[in-house]
Amino acid sequence: MFQDSWLFVGPMLLVVLAFGMAIPNVLGAALVGYQDRLGTAAAVFGLLYYLAIGAGLTLVTWAQDLGWSLLTCGLAALWLAAPRVFRN
């Protein structure tokens, strides 16, 4: 219903940009402790990243509604991040 509207495409563009900026920074910070095995560690992180994306896309395909899937994943991410964000 809304997937053909700019009201859907605009936020999706922001999601894609956020992934493009966040993933290299997160992986770079995660690989600091593996300087002696940087290639292998990057390959393992990359494999896990693409497996997670594949699993998520499979679930979205089964649900047949990207908007609700993104909303659900966003709320789950907020719920999981809340203890870190709101701790004293």
PDB file of N, CA and C in Angstrom:
ATOM      1  N   MET A   1       0.820  -1.172   0.000  1.00  0.00           N
ATOM      2  CA  MET A   1       0.000   0.000   0.000  1.00  0.00           C
ATOM      3  C   MET A   1       0.876   1.252   0.000  1.00  0.00           C
ATOM      4  N   PHE A   2       1.743   1.432   0.995  1.00  0.00           N
ATOM      5  CA  PHE A   2       2.603   2.607   1.055  1.00  0.00           C
ATOM      6  C   PHE A   2       3.955   2.378   0.401  1.00  0.00           C
ATOM      7  N   GLN A   3       4.217   1.169  -0.061  1.00  0.00           N
ATOM      8  CA  GLN A   3       5.537   0.855  -0.578  1.00  0.00           C
ATOM      9  C   GLN A   3       5.820   1.514  -1.919  1.00  0.00           C
ATOM     10  N   ASP A   4       4.833   2.088  -2.569  1.00  0.00           N
ATOM     11  CA  ASP A   4       5.043   2.807  -3.821  1.00  0.00           C
ATOM     12  C   ASP A   4       5.147   4.313  -3.596  1.00  0.00           C
ATOM     13  N   SER A   5       5.081   4.754  -2.381  1.00  0.00           N
ATOM     14  CA  SER A   5       5.050   6.174  -2.061  1.00  0.00           C
ATOM     15  C   SER A   5       6.433   6.666  -1.635  1.00  0.00           C
ATOM     16  N   TRP A   6       6.685   7.958  -1.798  1.00  0.00           N
ATOM     17  CA  TRP A   6       7.934   8.542  -1.335  1.00  0.00           C
ATOM     18  C   TRP A   6       8.002   8.514   0.194  1.00  0.00           C
ATOM     19  N   LEU A   7       6.850   8.387   0.850  1.00  0.00           N
ATOM     20  CA  LEU A   7       6.834   8.289   2.304  1.00  0.00           C
ATOM     21  C   LEU A   7       7.486   7.000   2.792  1.00  0.00           C
ATOM     22  N   PHE A   8       7.592   6.034   1.913  1.00  0.00           N
ATOM     23  CA  PHE A   8       8.270   4.782   2.231  1.00  0.00           C
ATOM     24  C   PHE A   8       9.702   4.808   1.724  1.00  0.00           C
ATOM     25  N   VAL A   9       9.902   5.345   0.534  1.00  0.00           N
ATOM     26  CA  VAL A   9      11.229   5.333  -0.090  1.00  0.00           C
ATOM     27  C   VAL A   9      12.195   6.249   0.667  1.00  0.00           C
ATOM     28  N   GLY A  10      11.725   7.383   1.136  1.00  0.00           N
ATOM     29  CA  GLY A  10      12.584   8.315   1.871  1.00  0.00           C
ATOM     30  C   GLY A  10      13.207   7.696   3.116  1.00  0.00           C
ATOM     31  N   PRO A  11      12.405   7.136   4.019  1.00  0.00           N
ATOM     32  CA  PRO A  11      12.994   6.475   5.188  1.00  0.00           C
ATOM     33  C   PRO A  11      13.868   5.272   4.825  1.00  0.00           C
ATOM     34  N   MET A  12      13.504   4.562   3.760  1.00  0.00           N
ATOM     35  CA  MET A  12      14.343   3.433   3.336  1.00  0.00           C
ATOM     36  C   MET A  12      15.720   3.922   2.899  1.00  0.00           C
ATOM     37  N   LEU A  13      15.758   5.074   2.235  1.00  0.00           N
ATOM     38  CA  LEU A  13      17.036   5.663   1.844  1.00  0.00           C
ATOM     39  C   LEU A  13      17.877   5.971   3.081  1.00  0.00           C
ATOM     40  N   LEU A  14      17.243   6.477   4.129  1.00  0.00           N
ATOM     41  CA  LEU A  14      17.965   6.744   5.370  1.00  0.00           C
ATOM     42  C   LEU A  14      18.500   5.461   6.003  1.00  0.00           C
ATOM     43  N   VAL A  15      17.732   4.380   5.937  1.00  0.00           N
ATOM     44  CA  VAL A  15      18.189   3.097   6.479  1.00  0.00           C
ATOM     45  C   VAL A  15      19.411   2.607   5.713  1.00  0.00           C
ATOM     46  N   VAL A  16      19.369   2.689   4.389  1.00  0.00           N
ATOM     47  CA  VAL A  16      20.498   2.244   3.574  1.00  0.00           C
ATOM     48  C   VAL A  16      21.739   3.089   3.860  1.00  0.00           C
ATOM     49  N   LEU A  17      21.572   4.404   3.963  1.00  0.00           N
ATOM     50  CA  LEU A  17      22.698   5.278   4.286  1.00  0.00           C
ATOM     51  C   LEU A  17      23.264   4.972   5.671  1.00  0.00           C
ATOM     52  N   ALA A  18      22.389   4.704   6.627  1.00  0.00           N
ATOM     53  CA  ALA A  18      22.844   4.389   7.981  1.00  0.00           C
ATOM     54  C   ALA A  18      23.661   3.105   7.995  1.00  0.00           C
ATOM     55  N   PHE A  19      23.214   2.087   7.274  1.00  0.00           N
ATOM     56  CA  PHE A  19      23.984   0.849   7.197  1.00  0.00           C
ATOM     57  C   PHE A  19      25.328   1.091   6.538  1.00  0.00           C
ATOM     58  N   GLY A  20      25.327   1.882   5.473  1.00  0.00           N
ATOM     59  CA  GLY A  20      26.575   2.164   4.767  1.00  0.00           C
ATOM     60  C   GLY A  20      27.588   2.900   5.622  1.00  0.00           C
ATOM     61  N   MET A  21      27.120   3.707   6.554  1.00  0.00           N
ATOM     62  CA  MET A  21      28.033   4.436   7.428  1.00  0.00           C
ATOM     63  C   MET A  21      28.377   3.640   8.682  1.00  0.00           C
ATOM     64  N   ALA A  22      27.448   2.874   9.200  1.00  0.00           N
ATOM     65  CA  ALA A  22      27.656   2.201  10.481  1.00  0.00           C
ATOM     66  C   ALA A  22      28.490   0.929  10.370  1.00  0.00           C
ATOM     67  N   ILE A  23      28.227   0.110   9.378  1.00  0.00           N
ATOM     68  CA  ILE A  23      28.888  -1.198   9.304  1.00  0.00           C
ATOM     69  C   ILE A  23      30.402  -1.085   9.235  1.00  0.00           C
ATOM     70  N   PRO A  24      30.986  -0.252   8.369  1.00  0.00           N
ATOM     71  CA  PRO A  24      32.451  -0.157   8.369  1.00  0.00           C
ATOM     72  C   PRO A  24      33.020   0.336   9.702  1.00  0.00           C
ATOM     73  N   ASN A  25      32.338   1.275  10.345  1.00  0.00           N
ATOM     74  CA  ASN A  25      32.816   1.772  11.631  1.00  0.00           C
ATOM     75  C   ASN A  25      32.716   0.724  12.726  1.00  0.00           C
ATOM     76  N   VAL A  26      31.631  -0.022  12.745  1.00  0.00           N
ATOM     77  CA  VAL A  26      31.463  -1.073  13.749  1.00  0.00           C
ATOM     78  C   VAL A  26      32.492  -2.182  13.537  1.00  0.00           C
ATOM     79  N   LEU A  27      32.657  -2.614  12.299  1.00  0.00           N
ATOM     80  CA  LEU A  27      33.634  -3.668  12.030  1.00  0.00           C
ATOM     81  C   LEU A  27      35.049  -3.197  12.305  1.00  0.00           C
ATOM     82  N   GLY A  28      35.351  -1.950  11.970  1.00  0.00           N
ATOM     83  CA  GLY A  28      36.690  -1.418  12.251  1.00  0.00           C
ATOM     84  C   GLY A  28      36.988  -1.416  13.739  1.00  0.00           C
ATOM     85  N   ALA A  29      36.021  -1.001  14.546  1.00  0.00           N
ATOM     86  CA  ALA A  29      36.209  -0.999  15.999  1.00  0.00           C
ATOM     87  C   ALA A  29      36.294  -2.424  16.551  1.00  0.00           C
ATOM     88  N   ALA A  30      35.528  -3.339  15.966  1.00  0.00           N
ATOM     89  CA  ALA A  30      35.536  -4.723  16.454  1.00  0.00           C
ATOM     90  C   ALA A  30      36.827  -5.446  16.108  1.00  0.00           C
ATOM     91  N   LEU A  31      37.495  -5.038  15.038  1.00  0.00           N
ATOM     92  CA  LEU A  31      38.702  -5.733  14.586  1.00  0.00           C
ATOM     93  C   LEU A  31      39.988  -5.191  15.202  1.00  0.00           C
ATOM     94  N   VAL A  32      39.900  -4.197  16.080  1.00  0.00           N
ATOM     95  CA  VAL A  32      41.100  -3.608  16.674  1.00  0.00           C
ATOM     96  C   VAL A  32      41.907  -4.649  17.441  1.00  0.00           C
ATOM     97  N   GLY A  33      41.243  -5.549  18.123  1.00  0.00           N
ATOM     98  CA  GLY A  33      41.934  -6.561  18.920  1.00  0.00           C
ATOM     99  C   GLY A  33      42.496  -7.726  18.114  1.00  0.00           C
ATOM    100  N   TYR A  34      42.311  -7.721  16.814  1.00  0.00           N
ATOM    101  CA  TYR A  34      42.738  -8.841  15.979  1.00  0.00           C
ATOM    102  C   TYR A  34      43.735  -8.386  14.914  1.00  0.00           C
ATOM    103  N   GLN A  35      44.680  -7.544  15.281  1.00  0.00           N
ATOM    104  CA  GLN A  35      45.624  -7.000  14.311  1.00  0.00           C
ATOM    105  C   GLN A  35      46.456  -8.080  13.632  1.00  0.00           C
ATOM    106  N   ASP A  36      46.759  -9.160  14.336  1.00  0.00           N
ATOM    107  CA  ASP A  36      47.583 -10.219  13.751  1.00  0.00           C
ATOM    108  C   ASP A  36      46.789 -11.144  12.829  1.00  0.00           C
ATOM    109  N   ARG A  37      45.463 -11.105  12.892  1.00  0.00           N
ATOM    110  CA  ARG A  37      44.616 -11.946  12.044  1.00  0.00           C
ATOM    111  C   ARG A  37      43.519 -11.121  11.381  1.00  0.00           C
ATOM    112  N   LEU A  38      43.868  -9.962  10.879  1.00  0.00           N
ATOM    113  CA  LEU A  38      42.884  -9.020  10.363  1.00  0.00           C
ATOM    114  C   LEU A  38      42.088  -9.584   9.193  1.00  0.00           C
ATOM    115  N   GLY A  39      42.722 -10.249   8.260  1.00  0.00           N
ATOM    116  CA  GLY A  39      42.028 -10.790   7.092  1.00  0.00           C
ATOM    117  C   GLY A  39      41.022 -11.865   7.466  1.00  0.00           C
ATOM    118  N   THR A  40      41.443 -12.786   8.325  1.00  0.00           N
ATOM    119  CA  THR A  40      40.554 -13.864   8.748  1.00  0.00           C
ATOM    120  C   THR A  40      39.389 -13.321   9.572  1.00  0.00           C
ATOM    121  N   ALA A  41      39.673 -12.398  10.492  1.00  0.00           N
ATOM    122  CA  ALA A  41      38.613 -11.822  11.318  1.00  0.00           C
ATOM    123  C   ALA A  41      37.614 -11.051  10.464  1.00  0.00           C
ATOM    124  N   ALA A  42      38.109 -10.302   9.489  1.00  0.00           N
ATOM    125  CA  ALA A  42      37.206  -9.559   8.607  1.00  0.00           C
ATOM    126  C   ALA A  42      36.346 -10.509   7.784  1.00  0.00           C
ATOM    127  N   ALA A  43      36.924 -11.618   7.346  1.00  0.00           N
ATOM    128  CA  ALA A  43      36.161 -12.598   6.568  1.00  0.00           C
ATOM    129  C   ALA A  43      35.068 -13.238   7.425  1.00  0.00           C
ATOM    130  N   VAL A  44      35.380 -13.560   8.673  1.00  0.00           N
ATOM    131  CA  VAL A  44      34.384 -14.172   9.558  1.00  0.00           C
ATOM    132  C   VAL A  44      33.270 -13.177   9.867  1.00  0.00           C
ATOM    133  N   PHE A  45      33.633 -11.934  10.196  1.00  0.00           N
ATOM    134  CA  PHE A  45      32.607 -10.917  10.447  1.00  0.00           C
ATOM    135  C   PHE A  45      31.748 -10.682   9.208  1.00  0.00           C
ATOM    136  N   GLY A  46      32.378 -10.636   8.052  1.00  0.00           N
ATOM    137  CA  GLY A  46      31.625 -10.446   6.808  1.00  0.00           C
ATOM    138  C   GLY A  46      30.663 -11.591   6.553  1.00  0.00           C
ATOM    139  N   LEU A  47      31.128 -12.818   6.779  1.00  0.00           N
ATOM    140  CA  LEU A  47      30.257 -13.986   6.604  1.00  0.00           C
ATOM    141  C   LEU A  47      29.048 -13.908   7.538  1.00  0.00           C
ATOM    142  N   LEU A  48      29.297 -13.606   8.808  1.00  0.00           N
ATOM    143  CA  LEU A  48      28.193 -13.515   9.764  1.00  0.00           C
ATOM    144  C   LEU A  48      27.236 -12.384   9.401  1.00  0.00           C
ATOM    145  N   TYR A  49      27.780 -11.269   8.910  1.00  0.00           N
ATOM    146  CA  TYR A  49      26.957 -10.130   8.498  1.00  0.00           C
ATOM    147  C   TYR A  49      26.028 -10.527   7.353  1.00  0.00           C
ATOM    148  N   TYR A  50      26.583 -11.176   6.337  1.00  0.00           N
ATOM    149  CA  TYR A  50      25.752 -11.550   5.194  1.00  0.00           C
ATOM    150  C   TYR A  50      24.798 -12.697   5.515  1.00  0.00           C
ATOM    151  N   LEU A  51      25.160 -13.585   6.416  1.00  0.00           N
ATOM    152  CA  LEU A  51      24.220 -14.610   6.863  1.00  0.00           C
ATOM    153  C   LEU A  51      23.047 -13.983   7.621  1.00  0.00           C
ATOM    154  N   ALA A  52      23.334 -12.981   8.447  1.00  0.00           N
ATOM    155  CA  ALA A  52      22.260 -12.292   9.172  1.00  0.00           C
ATOM    156  C   ALA A  52      21.346 -11.551   8.199  1.00  0.00           C
ATOM    157  N   ILE A  53      21.932 -10.893   7.202  1.00  0.00           N
ATOM    158  CA  ILE A  53      21.111 -10.204   6.203  1.00  0.00           C
ATOM    159  C   ILE A  53      20.254 -11.215   5.437  1.00  0.00           C
ATOM    160  N   GLY A  54      20.834 -12.336   5.055  1.00  0.00           N
ATOM    161  CA  GLY A  54      20.073 -13.366   4.338  1.00  0.00           C
ATOM    162  C   GLY A  54      18.931 -13.914   5.173  1.00  0.00           C
ATOM    163  N   ALA A  55      19.186 -14.152   6.453  1.00  0.00           N
ATOM    164  CA  ALA A  55      18.127 -14.646   7.332  1.00  0.00           C
ATOM    165  C   ALA A  55      17.023 -13.602   7.488  1.00  0.00           C
ATOM    166  N   GLY A  56      17.414 -12.339   7.641  1.00  0.00           N
ATOM    167  CA  GLY A  56      16.424 -11.277   7.760  1.00  0.00           C
ATOM    168  C   GLY A  56      15.595 -11.116   6.497  1.00  0.00           C
ATOM    169  N   LEU A  57      16.248 -11.182   5.342  1.00  0.00           N
ATOM    170  CA  LEU A  57      15.506 -11.069   4.086  1.00  0.00           C
ATOM    171  C   LEU A  57      14.580 -12.260   3.868  1.00  0.00           C
ATOM    172  N   THR A  58      14.981 -13.429   4.334  1.00  0.00           N
ATOM    173  CA  THR A  58      14.109 -14.599   4.243  1.00  0.00           C
ATOM    174  C   THR A  58      12.848 -14.388   5.081  1.00  0.00           C
ATOM    175  N   LEU A  59      13.019 -13.865   6.297  1.00  0.00           N
ATOM    176  CA  LEU A  59      11.858 -13.595   7.145  1.00  0.00           C
ATOM    177  C   LEU A  59      10.950 -12.523   6.540  1.00  0.00           C
ATOM    178  N   VAL A  60      11.546 -11.482   5.957  1.00  0.00           N
ATOM    179  CA  VAL A  60      10.756 -10.433   5.314  1.00  0.00           C
ATOM    180  C   VAL A  60       9.997 -10.997   4.118  1.00  0.00           C
ATOM    181  N   THR A  61      10.632 -11.889   3.372  1.00  0.00           N
ATOM    182  CA  THR A  61       9.970 -12.512   2.225  1.00  0.00           C
ATOM    183  C   THR A  61       8.767 -13.326   2.676  1.00  0.00           C
ATOM    184  N   TRP A  62       8.920 -14.062   3.760  1.00  0.00           N
ATOM    185  CA  TRP A  62       7.794 -14.842   4.267  1.00  0.00           C
ATOM    186  C   TRP A  62       6.676 -13.929   4.755  1.00  0.00           C
ATOM    187  N   ALA A  63       7.037 -12.808   5.381  1.00  0.00           N
ATOM    188  CA  ALA A  63       6.023 -11.889   5.903  1.00  0.00           C
ATOM    189  C   ALA A  63       5.357 -11.079   4.793  1.00  0.00           C
ATOM    190  N   GLN A  64       6.055 -10.827   3.692  1.00  0.00           N
ATOM    191  CA  GLN A  64       5.545 -10.067   2.550  1.00  0.00           C
ATOM    192  C   GLN A  64       5.155  -8.631   2.910  1.00  0.00           C
ATOM    193  N   ASP A  65       5.839  -8.046   3.903  1.00  0.00           N
ATOM    194  CA  ASP A  65       5.573  -6.652   4.243  1.00  0.00           C
ATOM    195  C   ASP A  65       6.830  -6.044   4.844  1.00  0.00           C
ATOM    196  N   LEU A  66       7.590  -5.333   4.021  1.00  0.00           N
ATOM    197  CA  LEU A  66       8.859  -4.762   4.447  1.00  0.00           C
ATOM    198  C   LEU A  66       8.677  -3.685   5.501  1.00  0.00           C
ATOM    199  N   GLY A  67       7.640  -2.893   5.389  1.00  0.00           N
ATOM    200  CA  GLY A  67       7.406  -1.817   6.358  1.00  0.00           C
ATOM    201  C   GLY A  67       7.237  -2.336   7.773  1.00  0.00           C
ATOM    202  N   TRP A  68       6.371  -3.315   7.950  1.00  0.00           N
ATOM    203  CA  TRP A  68       6.156  -3.882   9.286  1.00  0.00           C
ATOM    204  C   TRP A  68       7.387  -4.621   9.774  1.00  0.00           C
ATOM    205  N   SER A  69       8.090  -5.243   8.856  1.00  0.00           N
ATOM    206  CA  SER A  69       9.320  -5.944   9.240  1.00  0.00           C
ATOM    207  C   SER A  69      10.363  -4.962   9.758  1.00  0.00           C
ATOM    208  N   LEU A  70      10.519  -3.824   9.074  1.00  0.00           N
ATOM    209  CA  LEU A  70      11.478  -2.810   9.536  1.00  0.00           C
ATOM    210  C   LEU A  70      11.046  -2.218  10.871  1.00  0.00           C
ATOM    211  N   LEU A  71       9.768  -1.976  11.025  1.00  0.00           N
ATOM    212  CA  LEU A  71       9.271  -1.439  12.287  1.00  0.00           C
ATOM    213  C   LEU A  71       9.527  -2.417  13.427  1.00  0.00           C
ATOM    214  N   THR A  72       9.268  -3.690  13.196  1.00  0.00           N
ATOM    215  CA  THR A  72       9.504  -4.719  14.209  1.00  0.00           C
ATOM    216  C   THR A  72      10.984  -4.810  14.565  1.00  0.00           C
ATOM    217  N   CYS A  73      11.846  -4.819  13.548  1.00  0.00           N
ATOM    218  CA  CYS A  73      13.292  -4.898  13.802  1.00  0.00           C
ATOM    219  C   CYS A  73      13.798  -3.649  14.514  1.00  0.00           C
ATOM    220  N   GLY A  74      13.275  -2.491  14.154  1.00  0.00           N
ATOM    221  CA  GLY A  74      13.674  -1.259  14.826  1.00  0.00           C
ATOM    222  C   GLY A  74      13.279  -1.247  16.288  1.00  0.00           C
ATOM    223  N   LEU A  75      12.064  -1.684  16.570  1.00  0.00           N
ATOM    224  CA  LEU A  75      11.617  -1.754  17.964  1.00  0.00           C
ATOM    225  C   LEU A  75      12.419  -2.778  18.750  1.00  0.00           C
ATOM    226  N   ALA A  76      12.752  -3.907  18.121  1.00  0.00           N
ATOM    227  CA  ALA A  76      13.584  -4.912  18.792  1.00  0.00           C
ATOM    228  C   ALA A  76      14.978  -4.353  19.070  1.00  0.00           C
ATOM    229  N   ALA A  77      15.537  -3.599  18.129  1.00  0.00           N
ATOM    230  CA  ALA A  77      16.854  -2.996  18.338  1.00  0.00           C
ATOM    231  C   ALA A  77      16.815  -1.978  19.479  1.00  0.00           C
ATOM    232  N   LEU A  78      15.762  -1.180  19.542  1.00  0.00           N
ATOM    233  CA  LEU A  78      15.623  -0.224  20.648  1.00  0.00           C
ATOM    234  C   LEU A  78      15.489  -0.939  21.985  1.00  0.00           C
ATOM    235  N   TRP A  79      14.735  -2.004  21.998  1.00  0.00           N
ATOM    236  CA  TRP A  79      14.542  -2.774  23.230  1.00  0.00           C
ATOM    237  C   TRP A  79      15.861  -3.394  23.688  1.00  0.00           C
ATOM    238  N   LEU A  80      16.648  -3.914  22.740  1.00  0.00           N
ATOM    239  CA  LEU A  80      17.928  -4.523  23.096  1.00  0.00           C
ATOM    240  C   LEU A  80      18.968  -3.478  23.499  1.00  0.00           C
ATOM    241  N   ALA A  81      18.894  -2.285  22.913  1.00  0.00           N
ATOM    242  CA  ALA A  81      19.869  -1.236  23.212  1.00  0.00           C
ATOM    243  C   ALA A  81      19.496  -0.427  24.449  1.00  0.00           C
ATOM    244  N   ALA A  82      18.272  -0.500  24.902  1.00  0.00           N
ATOM    245  CA  ALA A  82      17.803   0.330  26.016  1.00  0.00           C
ATOM    246  C   ALA A  82      18.655   0.188  27.276  1.00  0.00           C
ATOM    247  N   PRO A  83      19.066  -1.005  27.695  1.00  0.00           N
ATOM    248  CA  PRO A  83      19.887  -1.080  28.916  1.00  0.00           C
ATOM    249  C   PRO A  83      21.214  -0.310  28.775  1.00  0.00           C
ATOM    250  N   ARG A  84      21.797  -0.300  27.614  1.00  0.00           N
ATOM    251  CA  ARG A  84      23.050   0.444  27.422  1.00  0.00           C
ATOM    252  C   ARG A  84      22.820   1.939  27.356  1.00  0.00           C
ATOM    253  N   VAL A  85      21.762   2.327  26.684  1.00  0.00           N
ATOM    254  CA  VAL A  85      21.507   3.751  26.470  1.00  0.00           C
ATOM    255  C   VAL A  85      21.044   4.430  27.749  1.00  0.00           C
ATOM    256  N   PHE A  86      20.200   3.776  28.506  1.00  0.00           N
ATOM    257  CA  PHE A  86      19.556   4.419  29.640  1.00  0.00           C
ATOM    258  C   PHE A  86      20.153   4.034  30.997  1.00  0.00           C
ATOM    259  N   ARG A  87      21.323   3.424  31.020  1.00  0.00           N
ATOM    260  CA  ARG A  87      21.912   3.111  32.321  1.00  0.00           C
ATOM    261  C   ARG A  87      22.505   4.364  32.939  1.00  0.00           C
ATOM    262  N   ASN A  88      22.580   4.356  34.241  1.00  0.00           N
ATOM    263  CA  ASN A  88      23.049   5.555  34.974  1.00  0.00           C
ATOM    264  C   ASN A  88      24.533   5.607  35.055  1.00  0.00           C
TER     265      ASN A  88
END
